[in-house]
């Protein structure tokens, strides 16, 4: 289903019919939802996810569904290529009025 959604979005991008719906949301909530969405795959590979609670306000305006799709894709790739029993670390850093997201294994 995710692959189909990605193909449909690509088609919309090419036809210039792609629209964003921005709303204020916590970035950490979007990341946590992506982790929950990928929990089956995480469990099947016996992988642990490390994402620590942020100590700053990470509320910003973004298209929740589009960014969630990006985080799911990044997590899916990290899980796919990470060895079993490894740890995937996600982090958000507050840097000069910007938020920096990183993912590593």
PDB file of N, CA and C in Angstrom:
ATOM      1  N   UNK A   1       0.819  -1.195   0.000  1.00  0.00           N
ATOM      2  CA  UNK A   1       0.000   0.000   0.000  1.00  0.00           C
ATOM      3  C   UNK A   1       0.865   1.262   0.000  1.00  0.00           C
ATOM      4  N   UNK A   2       1.949   1.225   0.768  1.00  0.00           N
ATOM      5  CA  UNK A   2       2.851   2.374   0.821  1.00  0.00           C
ATOM      6  C   UNK A   2       3.472   2.645  -0.542  1.00  0.00           C
ATOM      7  N   UNK A   3       3.872   1.577  -1.225  1.00  0.00           N
ATOM      8  CA  UNK A   3       4.453   1.729  -2.553  1.00  0.00           C
ATOM      9  C   UNK A   3       3.452   2.361  -3.507  1.00  0.00           C
ATOM     10  N   UNK A   4       2.207   1.926  -3.436  1.00  0.00           N
ATOM     11  CA  UNK A   4       1.155   2.493  -4.278  1.00  0.00           C
ATOM     12  C   UNK A   4       0.953   3.983  -3.967  1.00  0.00           C
ATOM     13  N   UNK A   5       0.939   4.339  -2.686  1.00  0.00           N
ATOM     14  CA  UNK A   5       0.818   5.747  -2.295  1.00  0.00           C
ATOM     15  C   UNK A   5       1.972   6.581  -2.852  1.00  0.00           C
ATOM     16  N   UNK A   6       3.179   6.017  -2.785  1.00  0.00           N
ATOM     17  CA  UNK A   6       4.348   6.726  -3.321  1.00  0.00           C
ATOM     18  C   UNK A   6       4.237   6.931  -4.822  1.00  0.00           C
ATOM     19  N   UNK A   7       3.772   5.926  -5.538  1.00  0.00           N
ATOM     20  CA  UNK A   7       3.605   6.049  -6.983  1.00  0.00           C
ATOM     21  C   UNK A   7       2.540   7.073  -7.340  1.00  0.00           C
ATOM     22  N   UNK A   8       1.462   7.092  -6.585  1.00  0.00           N
ATOM     23  CA  UNK A   8       0.411   8.077  -6.822  1.00  0.00           C
ATOM     24  C   UNK A   8       0.927   9.496  -6.555  1.00  0.00           C
ATOM     25  N   UNK A   9       1.710   9.661  -5.498  1.00  0.00           N
ATOM     26  CA  UNK A   9       2.286  10.981  -5.208  1.00  0.00           C
ATOM     27  C   UNK A   9       3.249  11.410  -6.306  1.00  0.00           C
ATOM     28  N   UNK A  10       4.040  10.476  -6.806  1.00  0.00           N
ATOM     29  CA  UNK A  10       4.961  10.791  -7.899  1.00  0.00           C
ATOM     30  C   UNK A  10       4.185  11.230  -9.131  1.00  0.00           C
ATOM     31  N   UNK A  11       3.096  10.551  -9.407  1.00  0.00           N
ATOM     32  CA  UNK A  11       2.247  10.913 -10.540  1.00  0.00           C
ATOM     33  C   UNK A  11       1.674  12.317 -10.365  1.00  0.00           C
ATOM     34  N   UNK A  12       1.239  12.640  -9.155  1.00  0.00           N
ATOM     35  CA  UNK A  12       0.697  13.979  -8.871  1.00  0.00           C
ATOM     36  C   UNK A  12       1.774  15.052  -9.027  1.00  0.00           C
ATOM     37  N   UNK A  13       2.991  14.741  -8.579  1.00  0.00           N
ATOM     38  CA  UNK A  13       4.093  15.692  -8.725  1.00  0.00           C
ATOM     39  C   UNK A  13       4.358  16.000 -10.192  1.00  0.00           C
ATOM     40  N   UNK A  14       4.353  14.958 -11.000  1.00  0.00           N
ATOM     41  CA  UNK A  14       4.627  15.129 -12.425  1.00  0.00           C
ATOM     42  C   UNK A  14       3.522  15.904 -13.127  1.00  0.00           C
ATOM     43  N   UNK A  15       2.296  15.786 -12.648  1.00  0.00           N
ATOM     44  CA  UNK A  15       1.173  16.483 -13.278  1.00  0.00           C
ATOM     45  C   UNK A  15       0.888  17.838 -12.618  1.00  0.00           C
ATOM     46  N   UNK A  16       1.731  18.237 -11.682  1.00  0.00           N
ATOM     47  CA  UNK A  16       1.593  19.493 -10.947  1.00  0.00           C
ATOM     48  C   UNK A  16       0.284  19.578 -10.161  1.00  0.00           C
ATOM     49  N   UNK A  17      -0.282  18.439  -9.789  1.00  0.00           N
ATOM     50  CA  UNK A  17      -1.512  18.424  -9.004  1.00  0.00           C
ATOM     51  C   UNK A  17      -1.258  18.117  -7.543  1.00  0.00           C
ATOM     52  N   UNK A  18      -0.046  18.325  -7.106  1.00  0.00           N
ATOM     53  CA  UNK A  18       0.366  17.991  -5.749  1.00  0.00           C
ATOM     54  C   UNK A  18       0.073  19.162  -4.822  1.00  0.00           C
ATOM     55  N   UNK A  19      -0.671  18.922  -3.760  1.00  0.00           N
ATOM     56  CA  UNK A  19      -1.019  19.995  -2.828  1.00  0.00           C
ATOM     57  C   UNK A  19      -0.570  19.623  -1.419  1.00  0.00           C
ATOM     58  N   UNK A  20      -0.135  20.637  -0.712  1.00  0.00           N
ATOM     59  CA  UNK A  20       0.272  20.463   0.677  1.00  0.00           C
ATOM     60  C   UNK A  20      -0.793  21.027   1.598  1.00  0.00           C
ATOM     61  N   UNK A  21      -0.947  20.384   2.746  1.00  0.00           N
ATOM     62  CA  UNK A  21      -1.860  20.860   3.772  1.00  0.00           C
ATOM     63  C   UNK A  21      -1.033  21.079   5.037  1.00  0.00           C
ATOM     64  N   UNK A  22      -0.687  22.326   5.284  1.00  0.00           N
ATOM     65  CA  UNK A  22       0.171  22.653   6.418  1.00  0.00           C
ATOM     66  C   UNK A  22      -0.658  22.862   7.683  1.00  0.00           C
ATOM     67  N   UNK A  23      -0.120  22.348   8.792  1.00  0.00           N
ATOM     68  CA  UNK A  23      -0.718  22.613  10.097  1.00  0.00           C
ATOM     69  C   UNK A  23       0.374  22.527  11.144  1.00  0.00           C
ATOM     70  N   UNK A  24       0.144  23.163  12.293  1.00  0.00           N
ATOM     71  CA  UNK A  24       1.127  23.129  13.378  1.00  0.00           C
ATOM     72  C   UNK A  24       1.037  21.782  14.081  1.00  0.00           C
ATOM     73  N   UNK A  25       2.205  21.193  14.278  1.00  0.00           N
ATOM     74  CA  UNK A  25       2.288  19.882  14.909  1.00  0.00           C
ATOM     75  C   UNK A  25       3.688  19.733  15.487  1.00  0.00           C
ATOM     76  N   UNK A  26       3.833  18.848  16.436  1.00  0.00           N
ATOM     77  CA  UNK A  26       5.158  18.542  16.971  1.00  0.00           C
ATOM     78  C   UNK A  26       5.839  17.552  16.027  1.00  0.00           C
ATOM     79  N   UNK A  27       7.059  17.863  15.641  1.00  0.00           N
ATOM     80  CA  UNK A  27       7.815  16.985  14.768  1.00  0.00           C
ATOM     81  C   UNK A  27       8.021  15.626  15.429  1.00  0.00           C
ATOM     82  N   UNK A  28       8.265  15.637  16.731  1.00  0.00           N
ATOM     83  CA  UNK A  28       8.486  14.388  17.467  1.00  0.00           C
ATOM     84  C   UNK A  28       7.259  13.471  17.409  1.00  0.00           C
ATOM     85  N   UNK A  29       6.075  14.043  17.414  1.00  0.00           N
ATOM     86  CA  UNK A  29       4.853  13.238  17.319  1.00  0.00           C
ATOM     87  C   UNK A  29       4.786  12.533  15.965  1.00  0.00           C
ATOM     88  N   UNK A  30       5.169  13.229  14.908  1.00  0.00           N
ATOM     89  CA  UNK A  30       5.182  12.643  13.572  1.00  0.00           C
ATOM     90  C   UNK A  30       6.193  11.491  13.508  1.00  0.00           C
ATOM     91  N   UNK A  31       7.362  11.685  14.099  1.00  0.00           N
ATOM     92  CA  UNK A  31       8.386  10.641  14.122  1.00  0.00           C
ATOM     93  C   UNK A  31       7.903   9.436  14.926  1.00  0.00           C
ATOM     94  N   UNK A  32       7.294   9.682  16.067  1.00  0.00           N
ATOM     95  CA  UNK A  32       6.774   8.599  16.905  1.00  0.00           C
ATOM     96  C   UNK A  32       5.692   7.815  16.170  1.00  0.00           C
ATOM     97  N   UNK A  33       4.844   8.494  15.402  1.00  0.00           N
ATOM     98  CA  UNK A  33       3.822   7.807  14.615  1.00  0.00           C
ATOM     99  C   UNK A  33       4.447   6.938  13.530  1.00  0.00           C
ATOM    100  N   UNK A  34       5.515   7.421  12.920  1.00  0.00           N
ATOM    101  CA  UNK A  34       6.213   6.621  11.905  1.00  0.00           C
ATOM    102  C   UNK A  34       6.805   5.360  12.536  1.00  0.00           C
ATOM    103  N   UNK A  35       7.358   5.503  13.727  1.00  0.00           N
ATOM    104  CA  UNK A  35       7.920   4.344  14.437  1.00  0.00           C
ATOM    105  C   UNK A  35       6.807   3.330  14.727  1.00  0.00           C
ATOM    106  N   UNK A  36       5.663   3.808  15.193  1.00  0.00           N
ATOM    107  CA  UNK A  36       4.525   2.915  15.460  1.00  0.00           C
ATOM    108  C   UNK A  36       4.072   2.216  14.185  1.00  0.00           C
ATOM    109  N   UNK A  37       4.004   2.958  13.083  1.00  0.00           N
ATOM    110  CA  UNK A  37       3.579   2.379  11.814  1.00  0.00           C
ATOM    111  C   UNK A  37       4.521   1.273  11.343  1.00  0.00           C
ATOM    112  N   UNK A  38       5.788   1.383  11.699  1.00  0.00           N
ATOM    113  CA  UNK A  38       6.784   0.422  11.252  1.00  0.00           C
ATOM    114  C   UNK A  38       7.068  -0.661  12.297  1.00  0.00           C
ATOM    115  N   UNK A  39       6.296  -0.704  13.368  1.00  0.00           N
ATOM    116  CA  UNK A  39       6.579  -1.609  14.487  1.00  0.00           C
ATOM    117  C   UNK A  39       6.609  -3.082  14.077  1.00  0.00           C
ATOM    118  N   UNK A  40       5.764  -3.473  13.146  1.00  0.00           N
ATOM    119  CA  UNK A  40       5.770  -4.873  12.699  1.00  0.00           C
ATOM    120  C   UNK A  40       7.090  -5.253  12.056  1.00  0.00           C
ATOM    121  N   UNK A  41       7.587  -4.403  11.190  1.00  0.00           N
ATOM    122  CA  UNK A  41       8.867  -4.636  10.522  1.00  0.00           C
ATOM    123  C   UNK A  41      10.027  -4.577  11.517  1.00  0.00           C
ATOM    124  N   UNK A  42       9.945  -3.658  12.468  1.00  0.00           N
ATOM    125  CA  UNK A  42      10.976  -3.522  13.502  1.00  0.00           C
ATOM    126  C   UNK A  42      11.062  -4.808  14.320  1.00  0.00           C
ATOM    127  N   UNK A  43       9.912  -5.316  14.718  1.00  0.00           N
ATOM    128  CA  UNK A  43       9.857  -6.537  15.520  1.00  0.00           C
ATOM    129  C   UNK A  43      10.353  -7.741  14.729  1.00  0.00           C
ATOM    130  N   UNK A  44       9.962  -7.833  13.459  1.00  0.00           N
ATOM    131  CA  UNK A  44      10.333  -9.000  12.649  1.00  0.00           C
ATOM    132  C   UNK A  44      11.845  -9.116  12.450  1.00  0.00           C
ATOM    133  N   UNK A  45      12.560  -7.992  12.463  1.00  0.00           N
ATOM    134  CA  UNK A  45      14.024  -8.031  12.320  1.00  0.00           C
ATOM    135  C   UNK A  45      14.740  -7.936  13.654  1.00  0.00           C
ATOM    136  N   UNK A  46      13.966  -7.920  14.737  1.00  0.00           N
ATOM    137  CA  UNK A  46      14.539  -7.861  16.083  1.00  0.00           C
ATOM    138  C   UNK A  46      15.476  -6.657  16.233  1.00  0.00           C
ATOM    139  N   UNK A  47      14.974  -5.510  15.766  1.00  0.00           N
ATOM    140  CA  UNK A  47      15.727  -4.262  15.805  1.00  0.00           C
ATOM    141  C   UNK A  47      15.149  -3.362  16.891  1.00  0.00           C
ATOM    142  N   UNK A  48      15.992  -2.574  17.511  1.00  0.00           N
ATOM    143  CA  UNK A  48      15.534  -1.594  18.499  1.00  0.00           C
ATOM    144  C   UNK A  48      15.645  -0.199  17.889  1.00  0.00           C
ATOM    145  N   UNK A  49      14.691   0.644  18.253  1.00  0.00           N
ATOM    146  CA  UNK A  49      14.678   2.028  17.807  1.00  0.00           C
ATOM    147  C   UNK A  49      14.957   2.916  19.012  1.00  0.00           C
ATOM    148  N   UNK A  50      15.894   3.827  18.872  1.00  0.00           N
ATOM    149  CA  UNK A  50      16.211   4.783  19.923  1.00  0.00           C
ATOM    150  C   UNK A  50      15.772   6.173  19.457  1.00  0.00           C
ATOM    151  N   UNK A  51      14.809   6.735  20.184  1.00  0.00           N
ATOM    152  CA  UNK A  51      14.371   8.102  19.929  1.00  0.00           C
ATOM    153  C   UNK A  51      14.011   8.717  21.271  1.00  0.00           C
ATOM    154  N   UNK A  52      14.874   9.610  21.741  1.00  0.00           N
ATOM    155  CA  UNK A  52      14.702  10.208  23.063  1.00  0.00           C
ATOM    156  C   UNK A  52      13.755  11.397  23.009  1.00  0.00           C
ATOM    157  N   UNK A  53      13.005  11.555  24.085  1.00  0.00           N
ATOM    158  CA  UNK A  53      12.091  12.684  24.210  1.00  0.00           C
ATOM    159  C   UNK A  53      12.869  13.990  24.100  1.00  0.00           C
ATOM    160  N   UNK A  54      12.347  14.906  23.312  1.00  0.00           N
ATOM    161  CA  UNK A  54      13.028  16.180  23.085  1.00  0.00           C
ATOM    162  C   UNK A  54      12.866  17.107  24.287  1.00  0.00           C
ATOM    163  N   UNK A  55      13.880  17.919  24.531  1.00  0.00           N
ATOM    164  CA  UNK A  55      13.863  18.851  25.662  1.00  0.00           C
ATOM    165  C   UNK A  55      13.591  20.278  25.208  1.00  0.00           C
ATOM    166  N   UNK A  56      13.038  20.425  24.024  1.00  0.00           N
ATOM    167  CA  UNK A  56      12.703  21.739  23.490  1.00  0.00           C
ATOM    168  C   UNK A  56      11.404  21.621  22.703  1.00  0.00           C
ATOM    169  N   UNK A  57      10.794  22.749  22.445  1.00  0.00           N
ATOM    170  CA  UNK A  57       9.531  22.764  21.706  1.00  0.00           C
ATOM    171  C   UNK A  57       9.824  22.543  20.221  1.00  0.00           C
ATOM    172  N   UNK A  58       9.303  21.461  19.689  1.00  0.00           N
ATOM    173  CA  UNK A  58       9.540  21.121  18.284  1.00  0.00           C
ATOM    174  C   UNK A  58       8.289  21.326  17.430  1.00  0.00           C
ATOM    175  N   UNK A  59       7.419  22.214  17.889  1.00  0.00           N
ATOM    176  CA  UNK A  59       6.212  22.528  17.127  1.00  0.00           C
ATOM    177  C   UNK A  59       6.600  23.359  15.917  1.00  0.00           C
ATOM    178  N   UNK A  60       6.116  22.938  14.781  1.00  0.00           N
ATOM    179  CA  UNK A  60       6.364  23.676  13.547  1.00  0.00           C
ATOM    180  C   UNK A  60       5.207  23.427  12.584  1.00  0.00           C
ATOM    181  N   UNK A  61       5.200  24.125  11.496  1.00  0.00           N
ATOM    182  CA  UNK A  61       4.127  23.997  10.519  1.00  0.00           C
ATOM    183  C   UNK A  61       4.622  23.150   9.345  1.00  0.00           C
ATOM    184  N   UNK A  62       3.915  22.035   9.095  1.00  0.00           N
ATOM    185  CA  UNK A  62       4.296  21.149   7.992  1.00  0.00           C
ATOM    186  C   UNK A  62       3.101  20.305   7.578  1.00  0.00           C
ATOM    187  N   UNK A  63       3.217  19.644   6.434  1.00  0.00           N
ATOM    188  CA  UNK A  63       2.188  18.721   5.957  1.00  0.00           C
ATOM    189  C   UNK A  63       2.440  17.390   6.661  1.00  0.00           C
ATOM    190  N   UNK A  64       1.597  17.059   7.617  1.00  0.00           N
ATOM    191  CA  UNK A  64       1.796  15.893   8.473  1.00  0.00           C
ATOM    192  C   UNK A  64       1.859  14.602   7.651  1.00  0.00           C
ATOM    193  N   UNK A  65       0.929  14.403   6.748  1.00  0.00           N
ATOM    194  CA  UNK A  65       0.899  13.146   6.002  1.00  0.00           C
ATOM    195  C   UNK A  65       2.112  12.990   5.097  1.00  0.00           C
ATOM    196  N   UNK A  66       2.579  14.078   4.496  1.00  0.00           N
ATOM    197  CA  UNK A  66       3.743  14.003   3.607  1.00  0.00           C
ATOM    198  C   UNK A  66       5.020  13.732   4.402  1.00  0.00           C
ATOM    199  N   UNK A  67       5.175  14.430   5.529  1.00  0.00           N
ATOM    200  CA  UNK A  67       6.372  14.215   6.331  1.00  0.00           C
ATOM    201  C   UNK A  67       6.354  12.830   6.981  1.00  0.00           C
ATOM    202  N   UNK A  68       5.189  12.371   7.376  1.00  0.00           N
ATOM    203  CA  UNK A  68       5.058  11.018   7.907  1.00  0.00           C
ATOM    204  C   UNK A  68       5.494  10.002   6.856  1.00  0.00           C
ATOM    205  N   UNK A  69       5.113  10.228   5.625  1.00  0.00           N
ATOM    206  CA  UNK A  69       5.512   9.356   4.519  1.00  0.00           C
ATOM    207  C   UNK A  69       7.042   9.338   4.362  1.00  0.00           C
ATOM    208  N   UNK A  70       7.664  10.499   4.485  1.00  0.00           N
ATOM    209  CA  UNK A  70       9.134  10.591   4.395  1.00  0.00           C
ATOM    210  C   UNK A  70       9.775   9.801   5.530  1.00  0.00           C
ATOM    211  N   UNK A  71       9.302   9.998   6.765  1.00  0.00           N
ATOM    212  CA  UNK A  71       9.877   9.283   7.908  1.00  0.00           C
ATOM    213  C   UNK A  71       9.680   7.775   7.782  1.00  0.00           C
ATOM    214  N   UNK A  72       8.507   7.339   7.303  1.00  0.00           N
ATOM    215  CA  UNK A  72       8.275   5.906   7.105  1.00  0.00           C
ATOM    216  C   UNK A  72       9.237   5.339   6.069  1.00  0.00           C
ATOM    217  N   UNK A  73       9.471   6.080   4.992  1.00  0.00           N
ATOM    218  CA  UNK A  73      10.399   5.617   3.958  1.00  0.00           C
ATOM    219  C   UNK A  73      11.823   5.522   4.506  1.00  0.00           C
ATOM    220  N   UNK A  74      12.249   6.534   5.252  1.00  0.00           N
ATOM    221  CA  UNK A  74      13.593   6.515   5.834  1.00  0.00           C
ATOM    222  C   UNK A  74      13.747   5.345   6.811  1.00  0.00           C
ATOM    223  N   UNK A  75      12.748   5.154   7.660  1.00  0.00           N
ATOM    224  CA  UNK A  75      12.797   4.044   8.612  1.00  0.00           C
ATOM    225  C   UNK A  75      12.784   2.692   7.902  1.00  0.00           C
ATOM    226  N   UNK A  76      11.951   2.573   6.891  1.00  0.00           N
ATOM    227  CA  UNK A  76      11.865   1.333   6.132  1.00  0.00           C
ATOM    228  C   UNK A  76      13.223   0.969   5.530  1.00  0.00           C
ATOM    229  N   UNK A  77      13.893   1.951   4.948  1.00  0.00           N
ATOM    230  CA  UNK A  77      15.216   1.697   4.372  1.00  0.00           C
ATOM    231  C   UNK A  77      16.237   1.348   5.450  1.00  0.00           C
ATOM    232  N   UNK A  78      16.197   2.069   6.561  1.00  0.00           N
ATOM    233  CA  UNK A  78      17.136   1.784   7.654  1.00  0.00           C
ATOM    234  C   UNK A  78      16.931   0.371   8.182  1.00  0.00           C
ATOM    235  N   UNK A  79      15.685  -0.028   8.361  1.00  0.00           N
ATOM    236  CA  UNK A  79      15.369  -1.366   8.859  1.00  0.00           C
ATOM    237  C   UNK A  79      15.788  -2.423   7.845  1.00  0.00           C
ATOM    238  N   UNK A  80      15.514  -2.157   6.598  1.00  0.00           N
ATOM    239  CA  UNK A  80      15.822  -3.116   5.517  1.00  0.00           C
ATOM    240  C   UNK A  80      17.318  -3.434   5.461  1.00  0.00           C
ATOM    241  N   UNK A  81      18.158  -2.410   5.634  1.00  0.00           N
ATOM    242  CA  UNK A  81      19.595  -2.605   5.471  1.00  0.00           C
ATOM    243  C   UNK A  81      20.368  -2.786   6.775  1.00  0.00           C
ATOM    244  N   UNK A  82      19.710  -2.610   7.900  1.00  0.00           N
ATOM    245  CA  UNK A  82      20.376  -2.798   9.192  1.00  0.00           C
ATOM    246  C   UNK A  82      20.447  -4.290   9.523  1.00  0.00           C
ATOM    247  N   UNK A  83      21.543  -4.717  10.112  1.00  0.00           N
ATOM    248  CA  UNK A  83      21.625  -6.118  10.533  1.00  0.00           C
ATOM    249  C   UNK A  83      20.636  -6.402  11.664  1.00  0.00           C
ATOM    250  N   UNK A  84      20.233  -7.662  11.771  1.00  0.00           N
ATOM    251  CA  UNK A  84      19.332  -8.040  12.861  1.00  0.00           C
ATOM    252  C   UNK A  84      19.968  -7.690  14.195  1.00  0.00           C
ATOM    253  N   UNK A  85      19.116  -7.396  15.164  1.00  0.00           N
ATOM    254  CA  UNK A  85      19.506  -7.072  16.538  1.00  0.00           C
ATOM    255  C   UNK A  85      20.321  -5.783  16.647  1.00  0.00           C
ATOM    256  N   UNK A  86      20.198  -4.918  15.662  1.00  0.00           N
ATOM    257  CA  UNK A  86      20.919  -3.642  15.738  1.00  0.00           C
ATOM    258  C   UNK A  86      20.017  -2.556  16.322  1.00  0.00           C
ATOM    259  N   UNK A  87      20.583  -1.389  16.512  1.00  0.00           N
ATOM    260  CA  UNK A  87      19.840  -0.251  17.053  1.00  0.00           C
ATOM    261  C   UNK A  87      19.855   0.860  16.012  1.00  0.00           C
ATOM    262  N   UNK A  88      18.673   1.367  15.695  1.00  0.00           N
ATOM    263  CA  UNK A  88      18.540   2.508  14.790  1.00  0.00           C
ATOM    264  C   UNK A  88      18.218   3.721  15.652  1.00  0.00           C
ATOM    265  N   UNK A  89      19.037   4.766  15.511  1.00  0.00           N
ATOM    266  CA  UNK A  89      18.885   5.956  16.323  1.00  0.00           C
ATOM    267  C   UNK A  89      18.316   7.098  15.488  1.00  0.00           C
ATOM    268  N   UNK A  90      17.243   7.684  15.986  1.00  0.00           N
ATOM    269  CA  UNK A  90      16.649   8.858  15.359  1.00  0.00           C
ATOM    270  C   UNK A  90      16.852  10.017  16.315  1.00  0.00           C
ATOM    271  N   UNK A  91      17.192  11.177  15.770  1.00  0.00           N
ATOM    272  CA  UNK A  91      17.374  12.333  16.640  1.00  0.00           C
ATOM    273  C   UNK A  91      16.944  13.608  15.941  1.00  0.00           C
ATOM    274  N   UNK A  92      16.573  14.573  16.753  1.00  0.00           N
ATOM    275  CA  UNK A  92      16.228  15.912  16.283  1.00  0.00           C
ATOM    276  C   UNK A  92      17.027  16.886  17.137  1.00  0.00           C
ATOM    277  N   UNK A  93      17.724  17.795  16.457  1.00  0.00           N
ATOM    278  CA  UNK A  93      18.556  18.779  17.140  1.00  0.00           C
ATOM    279  C   UNK A  93      18.038  20.170  16.796  1.00  0.00           C
ATOM    280  N   UNK A  94      17.935  21.000  17.821  1.00  0.00           N
ATOM    281  CA  UNK A  94      17.552  22.400  17.636  1.00  0.00           C
ATOM    282  C   UNK A  94      18.822  23.168  17.281  1.00  0.00           C
ATOM    283  N   UNK A  95      18.890  23.665  16.054  1.00  0.00           N
ATOM    284  CA  UNK A  95      20.116  24.315  15.576  1.00  0.00           C
ATOM    285  C   UNK A  95      19.793  25.635  14.890  1.00  0.00           C
ATOM    286  N   UNK A  96      20.077  26.727  15.563  1.00  0.00           N
ATOM    287  CA  UNK A  96      19.905  28.068  14.988  1.00  0.00           C
ATOM    288  C   UNK A  96      18.520  28.296  14.386  1.00  0.00           C
ATOM    289  N   UNK A  97      17.499  28.092  15.163  1.00  0.00           N
ATOM    290  CA  UNK A  97      16.099  28.283  14.754  1.00  0.00           C
ATOM    291  C   UNK A  97      15.677  27.329  13.640  1.00  0.00           C
ATOM    292  N   UNK A  98      16.372  26.216  13.510  1.00  0.00           N
ATOM    293  CA  UNK A  98      16.016  25.150  12.573  1.00  0.00           C
ATOM    294  C   UNK A  98      16.060  23.835  13.325  1.00  0.00           C
ATOM    295  N   UNK A  99      15.364  22.843  12.805  1.00  0.00           N
ATOM    296  CA  UNK A  99      15.433  21.515  13.393  1.00  0.00           C
ATOM    297  C   UNK A  99      16.148  20.596  12.426  1.00  0.00           C
ATOM    298  N   UNK A 100      17.130  19.857  12.957  1.00  0.00           N
ATOM    299  CA  UNK A 100      17.915  18.931  12.148  1.00  0.00           C
ATOM    300  C   UNK A 100      17.553  17.514  12.550  1.00  0.00           C
ATOM    301  N   UNK A 101      17.063  16.721  11.597  1.00  0.00           N
ATOM    302  CA  UNK A 101      16.691  15.340  11.826  1.00  0.00           C
ATOM    303  C   UNK A 101      17.799  14.444  11.306  1.00  0.00           C
ATOM    304  N   UNK A 102      18.122  13.403  12.073  1.00  0.00           N
ATOM    305  CA  UNK A 102      19.093  12.418  11.588  1.00  0.00           C
ATOM    306  C   UNK A 102      18.648  11.017  11.962  1.00  0.00           C
ATOM    307  N   UNK A 103      19.099  10.065  11.160  1.00  0.00           N
ATOM    308  CA  UNK A 103      18.808   8.656  11.406  1.00  0.00           C
ATOM    309  C   UNK A 103      20.080   7.887  11.112  1.00  0.00           C
ATOM    310  N   UNK A 104      20.442   6.986  12.031  1.00  0.00           N
ATOM    311  CA  UNK A 104      21.653   6.197  11.855  1.00  0.00           C
ATOM    312  C   UNK A 104      21.488   4.833  12.493  1.00  0.00           C
ATOM    313  N   UNK A 105      22.322   3.900  12.072  1.00  0.00           N
ATOM    314  CA  UNK A 105      22.332   2.576  12.701  1.00  0.00           C
ATOM    315  C   UNK A 105      23.743   2.206  13.086  1.00  0.00           C
TER     316      UNK A 105
END
